[in-house]
Amino acid sequence: MIKDYDDSNWRSEYIDIKGRQLTKRQVELLEKGPDSLSSSWILGAMHNEWRRIKGIKVDYPDENTGQLQSSMSEWEKSIKKYKDDGI
Protein backbone atom coordinates (compact mmCIF):
# COMPACT_ATOMS: atom_id res chain seq x y z
CA MET A 1 0.00 0.00 0.00
CA ILE A 2 1.43 3.33 -1.06
CA LYS A 3 0.76 6.17 1.36
CA ASP A 4 0.11 9.62 -0.01
CA TYR A 5 0.81 11.24 3.37
CA ASP A 6 3.82 11.44 5.68
CA ASP A 7 3.28 9.93 9.10
CA SER A 8 6.93 9.64 10.12
CA ASN A 9 6.47 12.06 13.03
CA TRP A 10 2.82 11.39 13.87
CA ARG A 11 3.63 10.56 17.50
CA SER A 12 5.10 13.97 18.30
CA GLU A 13 2.29 15.69 16.39
CA TYR A 14 -0.27 13.69 18.36
CA ILE A 15 1.34 14.71 21.66
CA ASP A 16 1.27 18.36 20.51
CA ILE A 17 -2.39 18.11 19.46
CA LYS A 18 -3.74 16.24 22.48
CA GLY A 19 -1.42 17.73 25.10
CA ARG A 20 -2.78 17.40 28.63
CA GLN A 21 -5.60 15.08 27.54
CA LEU A 22 -3.16 12.17 27.33
CA THR A 23 -2.41 9.92 30.27
CA LYS A 24 1.12 9.21 31.43
CA ARG A 25 0.86 5.73 29.93
CA GLN A 26 -0.19 7.11 26.53
CA VAL A 27 2.71 9.55 26.49
CA GLU A 28 5.07 6.71 27.44
CA LEU A 29 3.73 4.57 24.57
CA LEU A 30 4.14 7.43 22.12
CA GLU A 31 7.70 8.14 23.22
CA LYS A 32 9.03 4.62 23.79
CA GLY A 33 6.76 2.40 21.73
CA PRO A 34 4.60 -0.57 22.69
CA ASP A 35 5.84 -3.26 25.08
CA SER A 36 2.99 -5.73 24.65
CA LEU A 37 0.24 -6.70 22.25
CA SER A 38 -2.42 -4.71 24.10
CA SER A 39 -0.23 -1.61 24.17
CA SER A 40 0.27 -1.92 20.41
CA TRP A 41 -3.53 -1.91 20.04
CA ILE A 42 -3.69 1.29 22.08
CA LEU A 43 -0.93 2.85 19.96
CA GLY A 44 -2.77 1.81 16.80
CA ALA A 45 -5.96 3.42 18.09
CA MET A 46 -4.06 6.63 18.77
CA HIS A 47 -2.61 6.52 15.22
CA ASN A 48 -6.12 6.11 13.81
CA GLU A 49 -7.33 9.06 15.88
CA TRP A 50 -4.38 11.14 14.63
CA ARG A 51 -5.34 10.30 11.03
CA ARG A 52 -8.97 11.22 11.75
CA ILE A 53 -7.93 14.54 13.32
CA LYS A 54 -5.67 15.34 10.35
CA GLY A 55 -8.44 14.41 7.91
CA ILE A 56 -6.52 11.53 6.32
CA LYS A 57 -8.77 8.96 4.70
CA VAL A 58 -7.37 5.49 4.11
CA ASP A 59 -8.50 3.88 0.88
CA TYR A 60 -8.88 0.22 1.59
CA PRO A 61 -8.77 -2.15 -1.40
CA ASP A 62 -12.04 -3.26 -2.94
CA GLU A 63 -13.58 -6.40 -1.57
CA ASN A 64 -12.63 -9.57 -3.40
CA THR A 65 -15.95 -10.58 -4.95
CA GLY A 66 -16.54 -13.77 -6.82
CA GLN A 67 -13.02 -15.08 -7.06
CA LEU A 68 -13.12 -17.29 -3.98
CA GLN A 69 -16.82 -18.03 -3.88
CA SER A 70 -18.22 -21.45 -4.66
CA SER A 71 -21.40 -23.30 -3.91
CA MET A 72 -21.82 -26.47 -1.90
CA SER A 73 -22.83 -28.34 -5.06
CA GLU A 74 -19.59 -27.30 -6.79
CA TRP A 75 -17.61 -28.52 -3.79
CA GLU A 76 -19.47 -31.85 -3.74
CA LYS A 77 -18.77 -32.30 -7.47
CA SER A 78 -15.07 -31.76 -6.89
CA ILE A 79 -15.04 -34.28 -4.03
CA LYS A 80 -16.95 -36.81 -6.12
CA LYS A 81 -14.41 -36.38 -8.91
CA TYR A 82 -11.59 -37.33 -6.54
CA LYS A 83 -13.54 -40.29 -5.19
CA ASP A 84 -14.20 -41.49 -8.75
CA ASP A 85 -10.50 -41.18 -9.59
CA GLY A 86 -9.62 -43.46 -6.66
CA ILE A 87 -7.60 -40.88 -4.80
PDB file of N, CA and C in Angstrom:
ATOM      1  N   MET A   1       0.841  -1.181   0.000  1.00  0.00           N
ATOM      2  CA  MET A   1       0.000   0.000   0.000  1.00  0.00           C
ATOM      3  C   MET A   1       0.887   1.246   0.000  1.00  0.00           C
ATOM      4  N   ILE A   2       0.663   2.098  -0.945  1.00  0.00           N
ATOM      5  CA  ILE A   2       1.434   3.328  -1.056  1.00  0.00           C
ATOM      6  C   ILE A   2       0.682   4.442  -0.334  1.00  0.00           C
ATOM      7  N   LYS A   3       1.382   5.084   0.598  1.00  0.00           N
ATOM      8  CA  LYS A   3       0.764   6.174   1.358  1.00  0.00           C
ATOM      9  C   LYS A   3       0.999   7.492   0.639  1.00  0.00           C
ATOM     10  N   ASP A   4      -0.028   8.303   0.595  1.00  0.00           N
ATOM     11  CA  ASP A   4       0.111   9.622  -0.006  1.00  0.00           C
ATOM     12  C   ASP A   4       0.223  10.704   1.070  1.00  0.00           C
ATOM     13  N   TYR A   5       0.613  10.301   2.276  1.00  0.00           N
ATOM     14  CA  TYR A   5       0.812  11.235   3.371  1.00  0.00           C
ATOM     15  C   TYR A   5       2.042  10.796   4.157  1.00  0.00           C
ATOM     16  N   ASP A   6       2.625  11.729   4.889  1.00  0.00           N
ATOM     17  CA  ASP A   6       3.821  11.438   5.678  1.00  0.00           C
ATOM     18  C   ASP A   6       3.418  11.309   7.142  1.00  0.00           C
ATOM     19  N   ASP A   7       3.607  10.111   7.687  1.00  0.00           N
ATOM     20  CA  ASP A   7       3.279   9.927   9.100  1.00  0.00           C
ATOM     21  C   ASP A   7       4.519   9.559   9.914  1.00  0.00           C
ATOM     22  N   SER A   8       5.686   9.997   9.438  1.00  0.00           N
ATOM     23  CA  SER A   8       6.930   9.644  10.120  1.00  0.00           C
ATOM     24  C   SER A   8       7.034  10.280  11.507  1.00  0.00           C
ATOM     25  N   ASN A   9       6.402  11.412  11.720  1.00  0.00           N
ATOM     26  CA  ASN A   9       6.465  12.065  13.034  1.00  0.00           C
ATOM     27  C   ASN A   9       5.073  12.225  13.642  1.00  0.00           C
ATOM     28  N   TRP A  10       4.186  11.279  13.383  1.00  0.00           N
ATOM     29  CA  TRP A  10       2.820  11.389  13.868  1.00  0.00           C
ATOM     30  C   TRP A  10       2.757  11.370  15.399  1.00  0.00           C
ATOM     31  N   ARG A  11       3.676  10.663  16.026  1.00  0.00           N
ATOM     32  CA  ARG A  11       3.634  10.555  17.495  1.00  0.00           C
ATOM     33  C   ARG A  11       3.847  11.913  18.158  1.00  0.00           C
ATOM     34  N   SER A  12       4.851  12.649  17.704  1.00  0.00           N
ATOM     35  CA  SER A  12       5.097  13.971  18.302  1.00  0.00           C
ATOM     36  C   SER A  12       3.963  14.935  17.958  1.00  0.00           C
ATOM     37  N   GLU A  13       3.429  14.849  16.751  1.00  0.00           N
ATOM     38  CA  GLU A  13       2.290  15.694  16.388  1.00  0.00           C
ATOM     39  C   GLU A  13       1.084  15.384  17.274  1.00  0.00           C
ATOM     40  N   TYR A  14       0.868  14.095  17.531  1.00  0.00           N
ATOM     41  CA  TYR A  14      -0.273  13.690  18.360  1.00  0.00           C
ATOM     42  C   TYR A  14      -0.120  14.220  19.785  1.00  0.00           C
ATOM     43  N   ILE A  15       1.101  14.162  20.313  1.00  0.00           N
ATOM     44  CA  ILE A  15       1.341  14.713  21.656  1.00  0.00           C
ATOM     45  C   ILE A  15       1.072  16.214  21.656  1.00  0.00           C
ATOM     46  N   ASP A  16       1.504  16.917  20.598  1.00  0.00           N
ATOM     47  CA  ASP A  16       1.268  18.365  20.508  1.00  0.00           C
ATOM     48  C   ASP A  16      -0.226  18.681  20.411  1.00  0.00           C
ATOM     49  N   ILE A  17      -0.955  17.860  19.660  1.00  0.00           N
ATOM     50  CA  ILE A  17      -2.388  18.111  19.465  1.00  0.00           C
ATOM     51  C   ILE A  17      -3.169  17.827  20.743  1.00  0.00           C
ATOM     52  N   LYS A  18      -2.946  16.671  21.330  1.00  0.00           N
ATOM     53  CA  LYS A  18      -3.742  16.240  22.481  1.00  0.00           C
ATOM     54  C   LYS A  18      -3.266  16.839  23.802  1.00  0.00           C
ATOM     55  N   GLY A  19      -1.972  17.064  23.931  1.00  0.00           N
ATOM     56  CA  GLY A  19      -1.417  17.726  25.102  1.00  0.00           C
ATOM     57  C   GLY A  19      -1.785  17.083  26.423  1.00  0.00           C
ATOM     58  N   ARG A  20      -2.449  17.840  27.267  1.00  0.00           N
ATOM     59  CA  ARG A  20      -2.783  17.404  28.625  1.00  0.00           C
ATOM     60  C   ARG A  20      -3.891  16.348  28.668  1.00  0.00           C
ATOM     61  N   GLN A  21      -4.529  16.081  27.563  1.00  0.00           N
ATOM     62  CA  GLN A  21      -5.599  15.082  27.535  1.00  0.00           C
ATOM     63  C   GLN A  21      -5.054  13.657  27.591  1.00  0.00           C
ATOM     64  N   LEU A  22      -3.767  13.495  27.342  1.00  0.00           N
ATOM     65  CA  LEU A  22      -3.159  12.167  27.331  1.00  0.00           C
ATOM     66  C   LEU A  22      -2.751  11.746  28.742  1.00  0.00           C
ATOM     67  N   THR A  23      -2.870  10.452  28.997  1.00  0.00           N
ATOM     68  CA  THR A  23      -2.409   9.917  30.274  1.00  0.00           C
ATOM     69  C   THR A  23      -0.901   9.716  30.220  1.00  0.00           C
ATOM     70  N   LYS A  24      -0.312   9.465  31.388  1.00  0.00           N
ATOM     71  CA  LYS A  24       1.125   9.213  31.426  1.00  0.00           C
ATOM     72  C   LYS A  24       1.473   7.977  30.603  1.00  0.00           C
ATOM     73  N   ARG A  25       0.624   6.968  30.676  1.00  0.00           N
ATOM     74  CA  ARG A  25       0.861   5.727  29.929  1.00  0.00           C
ATOM     75  C   ARG A  25       0.830   5.983  28.421  1.00  0.00           C
ATOM     76  N   GLN A  26      -0.111   6.802  27.957  1.00  0.00           N
ATOM     77  CA  GLN A  26      -0.193   7.106  26.531  1.00  0.00           C
ATOM     78  C   GLN A  26       1.046   7.858  26.055  1.00  0.00           C
ATOM     79  N   VAL A  27       1.506   8.801  26.845  1.00  0.00           N
ATOM     80  CA  VAL A  27       2.710   9.549  26.486  1.00  0.00           C
ATOM     81  C   VAL A  27       3.907   8.603  26.441  1.00  0.00           C
ATOM     82  N   GLU A  28       3.986   7.691  27.411  1.00  0.00           N
ATOM     83  CA  GLU A  28       5.075   6.710  27.439  1.00  0.00           C
ATOM     84  C   GLU A  28       5.049   5.824  26.179  1.00  0.00           C
ATOM     85  N   LEU A  29       3.859   5.383  25.780  1.00  0.00           N
ATOM     86  CA  LEU A  29       3.734   4.571  24.567  1.00  0.00           C
ATOM     87  C   LEU A  29       4.164   5.348  23.334  1.00  0.00           C
ATOM     88  N   LEU A  30       3.781   6.603  23.270  1.00  0.00           N
ATOM     89  CA  LEU A  30       4.136   7.425  22.120  1.00  0.00           C
ATOM     90  C   LEU A  30       5.635   7.699  22.059  1.00  0.00           C
ATOM     91  N   GLU A  31       6.269   7.826  23.201  1.00  0.00           N
ATOM     92  CA  GLU A  31       7.696   8.141  23.224  1.00  0.00           C
ATOM     93  C   GLU A  31       8.575   6.902  23.095  1.00  0.00           C
ATOM     94  N   LYS A  32       8.174   5.798  23.741  1.00  0.00           N
ATOM     95  CA  LYS A  32       9.033   4.617  23.790  1.00  0.00           C
ATOM     96  C   LYS A  32       8.550   3.464  22.927  1.00  0.00           C
ATOM     97  N   GLY A  33       7.301   3.483  22.531  1.00  0.00           N
ATOM     98  CA  GLY A  33       6.759   2.401  21.727  1.00  0.00           C
ATOM     99  C   GLY A  33       6.080   1.346  22.584  1.00  0.00           C
ATOM    100  N   PRO A  34       5.357   0.440  21.947  1.00  0.00           N
ATOM    101  CA  PRO A  34       4.605  -0.571  22.690  1.00  0.00           C
ATOM    102  C   PRO A  34       5.521  -1.639  23.298  1.00  0.00           C
ATOM    103  N   ASP A  35       5.085  -2.194  24.430  1.00  0.00           N
ATOM    104  CA  ASP A  35       5.843  -3.258  25.077  1.00  0.00           C
ATOM    105  C   ASP A  35       5.037  -4.548  25.184  1.00  0.00           C
ATOM    106  N   SER A  36       3.826  -4.529  24.648  1.00  0.00           N
ATOM    107  CA  SER A  36       2.988  -5.730  24.654  1.00  0.00           C
ATOM    108  C   SER A  36       1.967  -5.614  23.520  1.00  0.00           C
ATOM    109  N   LEU A  37       1.242  -6.700  23.310  1.00  0.00           N
ATOM    110  CA  LEU A  37       0.240  -6.699  22.249  1.00  0.00           C
ATOM    111  C   LEU A  37      -0.861  -5.679  22.537  1.00  0.00           C
ATOM    112  N   SER A  38      -1.337  -5.648  23.773  1.00  0.00           N
ATOM    113  CA  SER A  38      -2.419  -4.714  24.099  1.00  0.00           C
ATOM    114  C   SER A  38      -1.964  -3.259  23.987  1.00  0.00           C
ATOM    115  N   SER A  39      -0.714  -2.983  24.316  1.00  0.00           N
ATOM    116  CA  SER A  39      -0.234  -1.612  24.173  1.00  0.00           C
ATOM    117  C   SER A  39      -0.064  -1.234  22.700  1.00  0.00           C
ATOM    118  N   SER A  40       0.213  -2.223  21.846  1.00  0.00           N
ATOM    119  CA  SER A  40       0.273  -1.917  20.411  1.00  0.00           C
ATOM    120  C   SER A  40      -1.113  -1.605  19.867  1.00  0.00           C
ATOM    121  N   TRP A  41      -2.147  -2.239  20.429  1.00  0.00           N
ATOM    122  CA  TRP A  41      -3.526  -1.909  20.035  1.00  0.00           C
ATOM    123  C   TRP A  41      -3.847  -0.465  20.417  1.00  0.00           C
ATOM    124  N   ILE A  42      -3.442  -0.077  21.611  1.00  0.00           N
ATOM    125  CA  ILE A  42      -3.688   1.295  22.076  1.00  0.00           C
ATOM    126  C   ILE A  42      -2.960   2.291  21.173  1.00  0.00           C
ATOM    127  N   LEU A  43      -1.711   1.969  20.837  1.00  0.00           N
ATOM    128  CA  LEU A  43      -0.934   2.846  19.963  1.00  0.00           C
ATOM    129  C   LEU A  43      -1.574   2.933  18.579  1.00  0.00           C
ATOM    130  N   GLY A  44      -2.076   1.806  18.083  1.00  0.00           N
ATOM    131  CA  GLY A  44      -2.771   1.811  16.796  1.00  0.00           C
ATOM    132  C   GLY A  44      -4.032   2.651  16.826  1.00  0.00           C
ATOM    133  N   ALA A  45      -4.758   2.597  17.944  1.00  0.00           N
ATOM    134  CA  ALA A  45      -5.960   3.418  18.087  1.00  0.00           C
ATOM    135  C   ALA A  45      -5.603   4.900  18.099  1.00  0.00           C
ATOM    136  N   MET A  46      -4.496   5.237  18.750  1.00  0.00           N
ATOM    137  CA  MET A  46      -4.062   6.633  18.765  1.00  0.00           C
ATOM    138  C   MET A  46      -3.640   7.078  17.361  1.00  0.00           C
ATOM    139  N   HIS A  47      -2.998   6.181  16.604  1.00  0.00           N
ATOM    140  CA  HIS A  47      -2.610   6.519  15.223  1.00  0.00           C
ATOM    141  C   HIS A  47      -3.847   6.747  14.364  1.00  0.00           C
ATOM    142  N   ASN A  48      -4.868   5.915  14.545  1.00  0.00           N
ATOM    143  CA  ASN A  48      -6.118   6.106  13.806  1.00  0.00           C
ATOM    144  C   ASN A  48      -6.783   7.420  14.177  1.00  0.00           C
ATOM    145  N   GLU A  49      -6.746   7.778  15.456  1.00  0.00           N
ATOM    146  CA  GLU A  49      -7.326   9.059  15.880  1.00  0.00           C
ATOM    147  C   GLU A  49      -6.536  10.222  15.283  1.00  0.00           C
ATOM    148  N   TRP A  50      -5.205  10.097  15.236  1.00  0.00           N
ATOM    149  CA  TRP A  50      -4.381  11.141  14.628  1.00  0.00           C
ATOM    150  C   TRP A  50      -4.754  11.327  13.166  1.00  0.00           C
ATOM    151  N   ARG A  51      -4.934  10.201  12.432  1.00  0.00           N
ATOM    152  CA  ARG A  51      -5.340  10.301  11.025  1.00  0.00           C
ATOM    153  C   ARG A  51      -6.706  10.968  10.893  1.00  0.00           C
ATOM    154  N   ARG A  52      -7.637  10.620  11.795  1.00  0.00           N
ATOM    155  CA  ARG A  52      -8.971  11.223  11.746  1.00  0.00           C
ATOM    156  C   ARG A  52      -8.881  12.726  11.994  1.00  0.00           C
ATOM    157  N   ILE A  53      -8.090  13.125  12.996  1.00  0.00           N
ATOM    158  CA  ILE A  53      -7.929  14.544  13.316  1.00  0.00           C
ATOM    159  C   ILE A  53      -7.324  15.306  12.138  1.00  0.00           C
ATOM    160  N   LYS A  54      -6.337  14.694  11.473  1.00  0.00           N
ATOM    161  CA  LYS A  54      -5.668  15.340  10.345  1.00  0.00           C
ATOM    162  C   LYS A  54      -6.489  15.270   9.064  1.00  0.00           C
ATOM    163  N   GLY A  55      -7.581  14.511   9.078  1.00  0.00           N
ATOM    164  CA  GLY A  55      -8.441  14.407   7.907  1.00  0.00           C
ATOM    165  C   GLY A  55      -7.914  13.451   6.851  1.00  0.00           C
ATOM    166  N   ILE A  56      -7.092  12.497   7.261  1.00  0.00           N
ATOM    167  CA  ILE A  56      -6.516  11.532   6.325  1.00  0.00           C
ATOM    168  C   ILE A  56      -7.469  10.354   6.196  1.00  0.00           C
ATOM    169  N   LYS A  57      -7.888  10.089   4.977  1.00  0.00           N
ATOM    170  CA  LYS A  57      -8.772   8.956   4.705  1.00  0.00           C
ATOM    171  C   LYS A  57      -7.951   7.842   4.084  1.00  0.00           C
ATOM    172  N   VAL A  58      -8.099   6.648   4.624  1.00  0.00           N
ATOM    173  CA  VAL A  58      -7.370   5.494   4.109  1.00  0.00           C
ATOM    174  C   VAL A  58      -8.262   4.782   3.110  1.00  0.00           C
ATOM    175  N   ASP A  59      -7.751   4.603   1.899  1.00  0.00           N
ATOM    176  CA  ASP A  59      -8.496   3.881   0.876  1.00  0.00           C
ATOM    177  C   ASP A  59      -8.151   2.403   0.967  1.00  0.00           C
ATOM    178  N   TYR A  60      -9.086   1.645   1.495  1.00  0.00           N
ATOM    179  CA  TYR A  60      -8.877   0.218   1.590  1.00  0.00           C
ATOM    180  C   TYR A  60      -9.175  -0.415   0.233  1.00  0.00           C
ATOM    181  N   PRO A  61      -8.506  -1.518  -0.102  1.00  0.00           N
ATOM    182  CA  PRO A  61      -8.768  -2.146  -1.398  1.00  0.00           C
ATOM    183  C   PRO A  61     -10.200  -2.649  -1.490  1.00  0.00           C
ATOM    184  N   ASP A  62     -10.685  -2.759  -2.725  1.00  0.00           N
ATOM    185  CA  ASP A  62     -12.040  -3.258  -2.937  1.00  0.00           C
ATOM    186  C   ASP A  62     -12.149  -4.695  -2.456  1.00  0.00           C
ATOM    187  N   GLU A  63     -13.337  -5.044  -2.043  1.00  0.00           N
ATOM    188  CA  GLU A  63     -13.584  -6.399  -1.573  1.00  0.00           C
ATOM    189  C   GLU A  63     -13.410  -7.385  -2.727  1.00  0.00           C
ATOM    190  N   ASN A  64     -12.834  -8.519  -2.416  1.00  0.00           N
ATOM    191  CA  ASN A  64     -12.630  -9.571  -3.403  1.00  0.00           C
ATOM    192  C   ASN A  64     -13.959 -10.288  -3.614  1.00  0.00           C
ATOM    193  N   THR A  65     -14.644  -9.981  -4.713  1.00  0.00           N
ATOM    194  CA  THR A  65     -15.949 -10.577  -4.948  1.00  0.00           C
ATOM    195  C   THR A  65     -15.862 -11.600  -6.056  1.00  0.00           C
ATOM    196  N   GLY A  66     -16.406 -12.761  -5.790  1.00  0.00           N
ATOM    197  CA  GLY A  66     -16.536 -13.770  -6.820  1.00  0.00           C
ATOM    198  C   GLY A  66     -15.371 -14.713  -6.983  1.00  0.00           C
ATOM    199  N   GLN A  67     -14.172 -14.254  -6.760  1.00  0.00           N
ATOM    200  CA  GLN A  67     -13.016 -15.076  -7.062  1.00  0.00           C
ATOM    201  C   GLN A  67     -12.950 -16.312  -6.162  1.00  0.00           C
ATOM    202  N   LEU A  68     -13.262 -16.179  -4.904  1.00  0.00           N
ATOM    203  CA  LEU A  68     -13.124 -17.289  -3.978  1.00  0.00           C
ATOM    204  C   LEU A  68     -14.466 -17.891  -3.580  1.00  0.00           C
ATOM    205  N   GLN A  69     -15.512 -17.527  -4.246  1.00  0.00           N
ATOM    206  CA  GLN A  69     -16.825 -18.030  -3.879  1.00  0.00           C
ATOM    207  C   GLN A  69     -17.155 -19.279  -4.680  1.00  0.00           C
ATOM    208  N   SER A  70     -17.735 -20.246  -3.987  1.00  0.00           N
ATOM    209  CA  SER A  70     -18.223 -21.447  -4.656  1.00  0.00           C
ATOM    210  C   SER A  70     -19.439 -21.946  -3.896  1.00  0.00           C
ATOM    211  N   SER A  71     -20.207 -22.770  -4.561  1.00  0.00           N
ATOM    212  CA  SER A  71     -21.399 -23.296  -3.913  1.00  0.00           C
ATOM    213  C   SER A  71     -21.100 -24.679  -3.349  1.00  0.00           C
ATOM    214  N   MET A  72     -21.978 -25.141  -2.492  1.00  0.00           N
ATOM    215  CA  MET A  72     -21.824 -26.470  -1.903  1.00  0.00           C
ATOM    216  C   MET A  72     -21.885 -27.542  -2.986  1.00  0.00           C
ATOM    217  N   SER A  73     -22.723 -27.343  -3.988  1.00  0.00           N
ATOM    218  CA  SER A  73     -22.831 -28.341  -5.059  1.00  0.00           C
ATOM    219  C   SER A  73     -21.529 -28.425  -5.861  1.00  0.00           C
ATOM    220  N   GLU A  74     -20.878 -27.281  -6.106  1.00  0.00           N
ATOM    221  CA  GLU A  74     -19.592 -27.303  -6.793  1.00  0.00           C
ATOM    222  C   GLU A  74     -18.548 -28.051  -5.974  1.00  0.00           C
ATOM    223  N   TRP A  75     -18.556 -27.842  -4.673  1.00  0.00           N
ATOM    224  CA  TRP A  75     -17.611 -28.524  -3.792  1.00  0.00           C
ATOM    225  C   TRP A  75     -17.868 -30.030  -3.802  1.00  0.00           C
ATOM    226  N   GLU A  76     -19.145 -30.419  -3.729  1.00  0.00           N
ATOM    227  CA  GLU A  76     -19.469 -31.852  -3.744  1.00  0.00           C
ATOM    228  C   GLU A  76     -19.052 -32.499  -5.061  1.00  0.00           C
ATOM    229  N   LYS A  77     -19.213 -31.778  -6.184  1.00  0.00           N
ATOM    230  CA  LYS A  77     -18.771 -32.305  -7.472  1.00  0.00           C
ATOM    231  C   LYS A  77     -17.261 -32.531  -7.478  1.00  0.00           C
ATOM    232  N   SER A  78     -16.521 -31.609  -6.907  1.00  0.00           N
ATOM    233  CA  SER A  78     -15.066 -31.764  -6.892  1.00  0.00           C
ATOM    234  C   SER A  78     -14.651 -32.931  -6.008  1.00  0.00           C
ATOM    235  N   ILE A  79     -15.341 -33.147  -4.902  1.00  0.00           N
ATOM    236  CA  ILE A  79     -15.038 -34.285  -4.033  1.00  0.00           C
ATOM    237  C   ILE A  79     -15.394 -35.588  -4.730  1.00  0.00           C
ATOM    238  N   LYS A  80     -16.522 -35.601  -5.412  1.00  0.00           N
ATOM    239  CA  LYS A  80     -16.952 -36.811  -6.118  1.00  0.00           C
ATOM    240  C   LYS A  80     -15.949 -37.166  -7.208  1.00  0.00           C
ATOM    241  N   LYS A  81     -15.401 -36.144  -7.864  1.00  0.00           N
ATOM    242  CA  LYS A  81     -14.408 -36.379  -8.912  1.00  0.00           C
ATOM    243  C   LYS A  81     -13.189 -37.098  -8.334  1.00  0.00           C
ATOM    244  N   TYR A  82     -12.757 -36.675  -7.160  1.00  0.00           N
ATOM    245  CA  TYR A  82     -11.594 -37.325  -6.538  1.00  0.00           C
ATOM    246  C   TYR A  82     -11.924 -38.735  -6.086  1.00  0.00           C
ATOM    247  N   LYS A  83     -13.138 -38.961  -5.607  1.00  0.00           N
ATOM    248  CA  LYS A  83     -13.539 -40.295  -5.194  1.00  0.00           C
ATOM    249  C   LYS A  83     -13.608 -41.222  -6.406  1.00  0.00           C
ATOM    250  N   ASP A  84     -14.107 -40.688  -7.525  1.00  0.00           N
ATOM    251  CA  ASP A  84     -14.199 -41.487  -8.751  1.00  0.00           C
ATOM    252  C   ASP A  84     -12.827 -41.825  -9.319  1.00  0.00           C
ATOM    253  N   ASP A  85     -11.851 -40.935  -9.093  1.00  0.00           N
ATOM    254  CA  ASP A  85     -10.496 -41.178  -9.592  1.00  0.00           C
ATOM    255  C   ASP A  85      -9.734 -42.176  -8.717  1.00  0.00           C
ATOM    256  N   GLY A  86     -10.275 -42.518  -7.557  1.00  0.00           N
ATOM    257  CA  GLY A  86      -9.624 -43.456  -6.661  1.00  0.00           C
ATOM    258  C   GLY A  86      -8.552 -42.847  -5.789  1.00  0.00           C
ATOM    259  N   ILE A  87      -8.592 -41.553  -5.641  1.00  0.00           N
ATOM    260  CA  ILE A  87      -7.599 -40.880  -4.802  1.00  0.00           C
ATOM    261  C   ILE A  87      -8.072 -40.854  -3.374  1.00  0.00           C
TER     262      ILE A  87
END
